[in-house]
């Protein structure tokens, strides 16, 4: 990746367990063993998500 990202880790029930904002390019985060999904967003999007919230995931294919 050549740009900053917001990273959101979620468990099997889509509950947010960790939010990392503005992660710099070519960096790694530690492993969160309770996470089942990871959402990566460009930093041009505003992220108002807190740990403990449950996200609704929709498939738009």
PDB file of N, CA and C in Angstrom:
ATOM      1  N   UNK A   1       0.844  -1.178   0.000  1.00  0.00           N
ATOM      2  CA  UNK A   1       0.000   0.000   0.000  1.00  0.00           C
ATOM      3  C   UNK A   1       0.883   1.234   0.000  1.00  0.00           C
ATOM      4  N   UNK A   2       0.457   2.244  -0.662  1.00  0.00           N
ATOM      5  CA  UNK A   2       1.222   3.480  -0.751  1.00  0.00           C
ATOM      6  C   UNK A   2       0.514   4.646  -0.078  1.00  0.00           C
ATOM      7  N   UNK A   3      -0.461   4.361   0.740  1.00  0.00           N
ATOM      8  CA  UNK A   3      -1.237   5.420   1.383  1.00  0.00           C
ATOM      9  C   UNK A   3      -1.645   4.966   2.781  1.00  0.00           C
ATOM     10  N   UNK A   4      -2.031   5.928   3.615  1.00  0.00           N
ATOM     11  CA  UNK A   4      -2.466   5.631   4.982  1.00  0.00           C
ATOM     12  C   UNK A   4      -3.805   4.893   4.969  1.00  0.00           C
ATOM     13  N   UNK A   5      -4.022   4.077   6.009  1.00  0.00           N
ATOM     14  CA  UNK A   5      -5.270   3.319   6.140  1.00  0.00           C
ATOM     15  C   UNK A   5      -5.826   3.433   7.552  1.00  0.00           C
ATOM     16  N   UNK A   6      -7.153   3.298   7.655  1.00  0.00           N
ATOM     17  CA  UNK A   6      -7.815   3.047   8.926  1.00  0.00           C
ATOM     18  C   UNK A   6      -8.064   1.536   8.959  1.00  0.00           C
ATOM     19  N   UNK A   7      -7.717   0.878  10.060  1.00  0.00           N
ATOM     20  CA  UNK A   7      -7.871  -0.566  10.184  1.00  0.00           C
ATOM     21  C   UNK A   7      -8.860  -0.859  11.305  1.00  0.00           C
ATOM     22  N   UNK A   8      -9.865  -1.688  11.028  1.00  0.00           N
ATOM     23  CA  UNK A   8     -10.876  -2.062  12.020  1.00  0.00           C
ATOM     24  C   UNK A   8     -10.895  -3.580  12.129  1.00  0.00           C
ATOM     25  N   UNK A   9     -10.592  -4.097  13.313  1.00  0.00           N
ATOM     26  CA  UNK A   9     -10.624  -5.533  13.577  1.00  0.00           C
ATOM     27  C   UNK A   9     -11.959  -5.881  14.212  1.00  0.00           C
ATOM     28  N   UNK A  10     -12.592  -6.970  13.719  1.00  0.00           N
ATOM     29  CA  UNK A  10     -13.897  -7.398  14.228  1.00  0.00           C
ATOM     30  C   UNK A  10     -13.851  -8.876  14.593  1.00  0.00           C
ATOM     31  N   UNK A  11     -14.664  -9.246  15.586  1.00  0.00           N
ATOM     32  CA  UNK A  11     -14.756 -10.662  15.959  1.00  0.00           C
ATOM     33  C   UNK A  11     -15.784 -11.357  15.080  1.00  0.00           C
ATOM     34  N   UNK A  12     -16.141 -12.579  15.408  1.00  0.00           N
ATOM     35  CA  UNK A  12     -17.050 -13.375  14.572  1.00  0.00           C
ATOM     36  C   UNK A  12     -18.474 -12.831  14.529  1.00  0.00           C
ATOM     37  N   UNK A  13     -18.811 -11.952  15.454  1.00  0.00           N
ATOM     38  CA  UNK A  13     -20.158 -11.354  15.478  1.00  0.00           C
ATOM     39  C   UNK A  13     -20.135  -9.897  15.039  1.00  0.00           C
ATOM     40  N   UNK A  14     -19.060  -9.496  14.349  1.00  0.00           N
ATOM     41  CA  UNK A  14     -18.866  -8.143  13.826  1.00  0.00           C
ATOM     42  C   UNK A  14     -18.744  -7.077  14.903  1.00  0.00           C
ATOM     43  N   UNK A  15     -18.368  -7.492  16.099  1.00  0.00           N
ATOM     44  CA  UNK A  15     -18.115  -6.543  17.176  1.00  0.00           C
ATOM     45  C   UNK A  15     -16.693  -6.021  17.021  1.00  0.00           C
ATOM     46  N   UNK A  16     -16.534  -4.699  17.078  1.00  0.00           N
ATOM     47  CA  UNK A  16     -15.230  -4.070  16.894  1.00  0.00           C
ATOM     48  C   UNK A  16     -14.365  -4.350  18.121  1.00  0.00           C
ATOM     49  N   UNK A  17     -13.170  -4.909  17.875  1.00  0.00           N
ATOM     50  CA  UNK A  17     -12.267  -5.206  18.991  1.00  0.00           C
ATOM     51  C   UNK A  17     -11.036  -4.301  18.990  1.00  0.00           C
ATOM     52  N   UNK A  18     -10.741  -3.656  17.842  1.00  0.00           N
ATOM     53  CA  UNK A  18      -9.603  -2.732  17.789  1.00  0.00           C
ATOM     54  C   UNK A  18      -9.759  -1.811  16.591  1.00  0.00           C
ATOM     55  N   UNK A  19      -9.466  -0.527  16.772  1.00  0.00           N
ATOM     56  CA  UNK A  19      -9.477   0.453  15.693  1.00  0.00           C
ATOM     57  C   UNK A  19      -8.101   1.113  15.651  1.00  0.00           C
ATOM     58  N   UNK A  20      -7.480   1.094  14.501  1.00  0.00           N
ATOM     59  CA  UNK A  20      -6.207   1.780  14.296  1.00  0.00           C
ATOM     60  C   UNK A  20      -6.426   2.811  13.199  1.00  0.00           C
ATOM     61  N   UNK A  21      -6.258   4.085  13.541  1.00  0.00           N
ATOM     62  CA  UNK A  21      -6.471   5.155  12.568  1.00  0.00           C
ATOM     63  C   UNK A  21      -5.135   5.638  12.021  1.00  0.00           C
ATOM     64  N   UNK A  22      -5.150   5.991  10.746  1.00  0.00           N
ATOM     65  CA  UNK A  22      -3.997   6.582  10.058  1.00  0.00           C
ATOM     66  C   UNK A  22      -2.736   5.729  10.130  1.00  0.00           C
ATOM     67  N   UNK A  23      -2.881   4.463   9.829  1.00  0.00           N
ATOM     68  CA  UNK A  23      -1.715   3.585   9.791  1.00  0.00           C
ATOM     69  C   UNK A  23      -0.884   3.924   8.551  1.00  0.00           C
ATOM     70  N   UNK A  24       0.384   4.173   8.761  1.00  0.00           N
ATOM     71  CA  UNK A  24       1.289   4.596   7.691  1.00  0.00           C
ATOM     72  C   UNK A  24       1.605   3.435   6.740  1.00  0.00           C
ATOM     73  N   UNK A  25       1.972   3.759   5.505  1.00  0.00           N
ATOM     74  CA  UNK A  25       2.317   2.717   4.535  1.00  0.00           C
ATOM     75  C   UNK A  25       3.482   1.855   5.007  1.00  0.00           C
ATOM     76  N   UNK A  26       3.448   0.606   4.604  1.00  0.00           N
ATOM     77  CA  UNK A  26       4.501  -0.375   4.855  1.00  0.00           C
ATOM     78  C   UNK A  26       4.704  -0.664   6.336  1.00  0.00           C
ATOM     79  N   UNK A  27       3.645  -0.543   7.132  1.00  0.00           N
ATOM     80  CA  UNK A  27       3.700  -0.873   8.551  1.00  0.00           C
ATOM     81  C   UNK A  27       2.855  -2.110   8.807  1.00  0.00           C
ATOM     82  N   UNK A  28       3.158  -2.782   9.904  1.00  0.00           N
ATOM     83  CA  UNK A  28       2.374  -3.948  10.324  1.00  0.00           C
ATOM     84  C   UNK A  28       1.806  -3.681  11.702  1.00  0.00           C
ATOM     85  N   UNK A  29       0.705  -4.322  11.988  1.00  0.00           N
ATOM     86  CA  UNK A  29       0.089  -4.240  13.300  1.00  0.00           C
ATOM     87  C   UNK A  29       0.274  -5.574  14.004  1.00  0.00           C
ATOM     88  N   UNK A  30       0.083  -5.573  15.291  1.00  0.00           N
ATOM     89  CA  UNK A  30       0.169  -6.844  16.007  1.00  0.00           C
ATOM     90  C   UNK A  30      -1.028  -7.716  15.645  1.00  0.00           C
ATOM     91  N   UNK A  31      -0.972  -8.976  15.984  1.00  0.00           N
ATOM     92  CA  UNK A  31      -2.062  -9.899  15.682  1.00  0.00           C
ATOM     93  C   UNK A  31      -3.109  -9.843  16.782  1.00  0.00           C
ATOM     94  N   UNK A  32      -4.364  -9.856  16.387  1.00  0.00           N
ATOM     95  CA  UNK A  32      -5.480  -9.915  17.322  1.00  0.00           C
ATOM     96  C   UNK A  32      -6.157 -11.252  17.088  1.00  0.00           C
ATOM     97  N   UNK A  33      -5.870 -12.212  17.948  1.00  0.00           N
ATOM     98  CA  UNK A  33      -6.301 -13.589  17.730  1.00  0.00           C
ATOM     99  C   UNK A  33      -7.809 -13.772  17.820  1.00  0.00           C
ATOM    100  N   UNK A  34      -8.523 -12.848  18.446  1.00  0.00           N
ATOM    101  CA  UNK A  34      -9.981 -12.954  18.508  1.00  0.00           C
ATOM    102  C   UNK A  34     -10.655 -12.352  17.281  1.00  0.00           C
ATOM    103  N   UNK A  35      -9.881 -11.733  16.395  1.00  0.00           N
ATOM    104  CA  UNK A  35     -10.493 -11.132  15.204  1.00  0.00           C
ATOM    105  C   UNK A  35     -10.751 -12.195  14.139  1.00  0.00           C
ATOM    106  N   UNK A  36     -11.866 -12.014  13.444  1.00  0.00           N
ATOM    107  CA  UNK A  36     -12.233 -12.905  12.348  1.00  0.00           C
ATOM    108  C   UNK A  36     -12.271 -12.145  11.036  1.00  0.00           C
ATOM    109  N   UNK A  37     -12.396 -10.817  11.122  1.00  0.00           N
ATOM    110  CA  UNK A  37     -12.464  -9.980   9.935  1.00  0.00           C
ATOM    111  C   UNK A  37     -11.681  -8.699  10.177  1.00  0.00           C
ATOM    112  N   UNK A  38     -11.153  -8.161   9.100  1.00  0.00           N
ATOM    113  CA  UNK A  38     -10.451  -6.881   9.164  1.00  0.00           C
ATOM    114  C   UNK A  38     -10.977  -6.003   8.048  1.00  0.00           C
ATOM    115  N   UNK A  39     -11.328  -4.780   8.400  1.00  0.00           N
ATOM    116  CA  UNK A  39     -11.815  -3.806   7.433  1.00  0.00           C
ATOM    117  C   UNK A  39     -10.744  -2.742   7.267  1.00  0.00           C
ATOM    118  N   UNK A  40     -10.310  -2.509   6.023  1.00  0.00           N
ATOM    119  CA  UNK A  40      -9.299  -1.504   5.728  1.00  0.00           C
ATOM    120  C   UNK A  40      -9.946  -0.399   4.897  1.00  0.00           C
ATOM    121  N   UNK A  41      -9.808   0.840   5.356  1.00  0.00           N
ATOM    122  CA  UNK A  41     -10.399   1.983   4.667  1.00  0.00           C
ATOM    123  C   UNK A  41      -9.340   3.030   4.398  1.00  0.00           C
ATOM    124  N   UNK A  42      -9.428   3.685   3.254  1.00  0.00           N
ATOM    125  CA  UNK A  42      -8.540   4.806   2.987  1.00  0.00           C
ATOM    126  C   UNK A  42      -8.825   5.918   3.993  1.00  0.00           C
ATOM    127  N   UNK A  43      -7.820   6.688   4.305  1.00  0.00           N
ATOM    128  CA  UNK A  43      -7.984   7.735   5.323  1.00  0.00           C
ATOM    129  C   UNK A  43      -8.792   8.927   4.834  1.00  0.00           C
ATOM    130  N   UNK A  44      -9.163   8.950   3.560  1.00  0.00           N
ATOM    131  CA  UNK A  44     -10.014  10.050   3.090  1.00  0.00           C
ATOM    132  C   UNK A  44     -11.455   9.873   3.571  1.00  0.00           C
ATOM    133  N   UNK A  45     -11.754   8.741   4.193  1.00  0.00           N
ATOM    134  CA  UNK A  45     -13.081   8.495   4.777  1.00  0.00           C
ATOM    135  C   UNK A  45     -13.021   8.721   6.278  1.00  0.00           C
ATOM    136  N   UNK A  46     -14.042   9.382   6.794  1.00  0.00           N
ATOM    137  CA  UNK A  46     -14.108   9.639   8.229  1.00  0.00           C
ATOM    138  C   UNK A  46     -14.591   8.375   8.941  1.00  0.00           C
ATOM    139  N   UNK A  47     -13.867   7.953   9.968  1.00  0.00           N
ATOM    140  CA  UNK A  47     -14.204   6.735  10.701  1.00  0.00           C
ATOM    141  C   UNK A  47     -14.645   7.110  12.107  1.00  0.00           C
ATOM    142  N   UNK A  48     -15.921   6.900  12.389  1.00  0.00           N
ATOM    143  CA  UNK A  48     -16.466   7.157  13.724  1.00  0.00           C
ATOM    144  C   UNK A  48     -16.922   5.841  14.325  1.00  0.00           C
ATOM    145  N   UNK A  49     -15.990   4.945  14.528  1.00  0.00           N
ATOM    146  CA  UNK A  49     -16.270   3.617  15.060  1.00  0.00           C
ATOM    147  C   UNK A  49     -15.492   3.457  16.355  1.00  0.00           C
ATOM    148  N   UNK A  50     -16.147   2.894  17.356  1.00  0.00           N
ATOM    149  CA  UNK A  50     -15.500   2.685  18.651  1.00  0.00           C
ATOM    150  C   UNK A  50     -15.459   1.203  18.984  1.00  0.00           C
ATOM    151  N   UNK A  51     -14.484   0.838  19.810  1.00  0.00           N
ATOM    152  CA  UNK A  51     -14.388  -0.538  20.286  1.00  0.00           C
ATOM    153  C   UNK A  51     -15.674  -0.888  21.028  1.00  0.00           C
ATOM    154  N   UNK A  52     -16.220  -2.059  20.734  1.00  0.00           N
ATOM    155  CA  UNK A  52     -17.446  -2.515  21.371  1.00  0.00           C
ATOM    156  C   UNK A  52     -18.676  -2.366  20.497  1.00  0.00           C
ATOM    157  N   UNK A  53     -18.617  -1.535  19.478  1.00  0.00           N
ATOM    158  CA  UNK A  53     -19.748  -1.384  18.561  1.00  0.00           C
ATOM    159  C   UNK A  53     -19.862  -2.617  17.680  1.00  0.00           C
ATOM    160  N   UNK A  54     -21.069  -2.908  17.224  1.00  0.00           N
ATOM    161  CA  UNK A  54     -21.310  -4.013  16.302  1.00  0.00           C
ATOM    162  C   UNK A  54     -21.627  -3.411  14.939  1.00  0.00           C
ATOM    163  N   UNK A  55     -20.878  -3.825  13.922  1.00  0.00           N
ATOM    164  CA  UNK A  55     -21.066  -3.308  12.584  1.00  0.00           C
ATOM    165  C   UNK A  55     -21.949  -4.225  11.768  1.00  0.00           C
ATOM    166  N   UNK A  56     -22.750  -3.639  10.911  1.00  0.00           N
ATOM    167  CA  UNK A  56     -23.573  -4.413   9.985  1.00  0.00           C
ATOM    168  C   UNK A  56     -22.794  -4.510   8.672  1.00  0.00           C
ATOM    169  N   UNK A  57     -22.570  -5.720   8.210  1.00  0.00           N
ATOM    170  CA  UNK A  57     -21.798  -5.937   6.984  1.00  0.00           C
ATOM    171  C   UNK A  57     -22.756  -6.343   5.881  1.00  0.00           C
ATOM    172  N   UNK A  58     -22.753  -5.571   4.789  1.00  0.00           N
ATOM    173  CA  UNK A  58     -23.632  -5.840   3.649  1.00  0.00           C
ATOM    174  C   UNK A  58     -22.796  -6.199   2.441  1.00  0.00           C
ATOM    175  N   UNK A  59     -23.214  -7.182   1.703  1.00  0.00           N
ATOM    176  CA  UNK A  59     -22.553  -7.558   0.459  1.00  0.00           C
ATOM    177  C   UNK A  59     -23.228  -6.796  -0.674  1.00  0.00           C
ATOM    178  N   UNK A  60     -22.443  -6.070  -1.463  1.00  0.00           N
ATOM    179  CA  UNK A  60     -23.023  -5.269  -2.541  1.00  0.00           C
ATOM    180  C   UNK A  60     -22.651  -5.781  -3.925  1.00  0.00           C
ATOM    181  N   UNK A  61     -22.359  -7.070  -4.036  1.00  0.00           N
ATOM    182  CA  UNK A  61     -22.000  -7.633  -5.344  1.00  0.00           C
ATOM    183  C   UNK A  61     -23.183  -7.710  -6.236  1.00  0.00           C
TER     184      UNK A  61
END
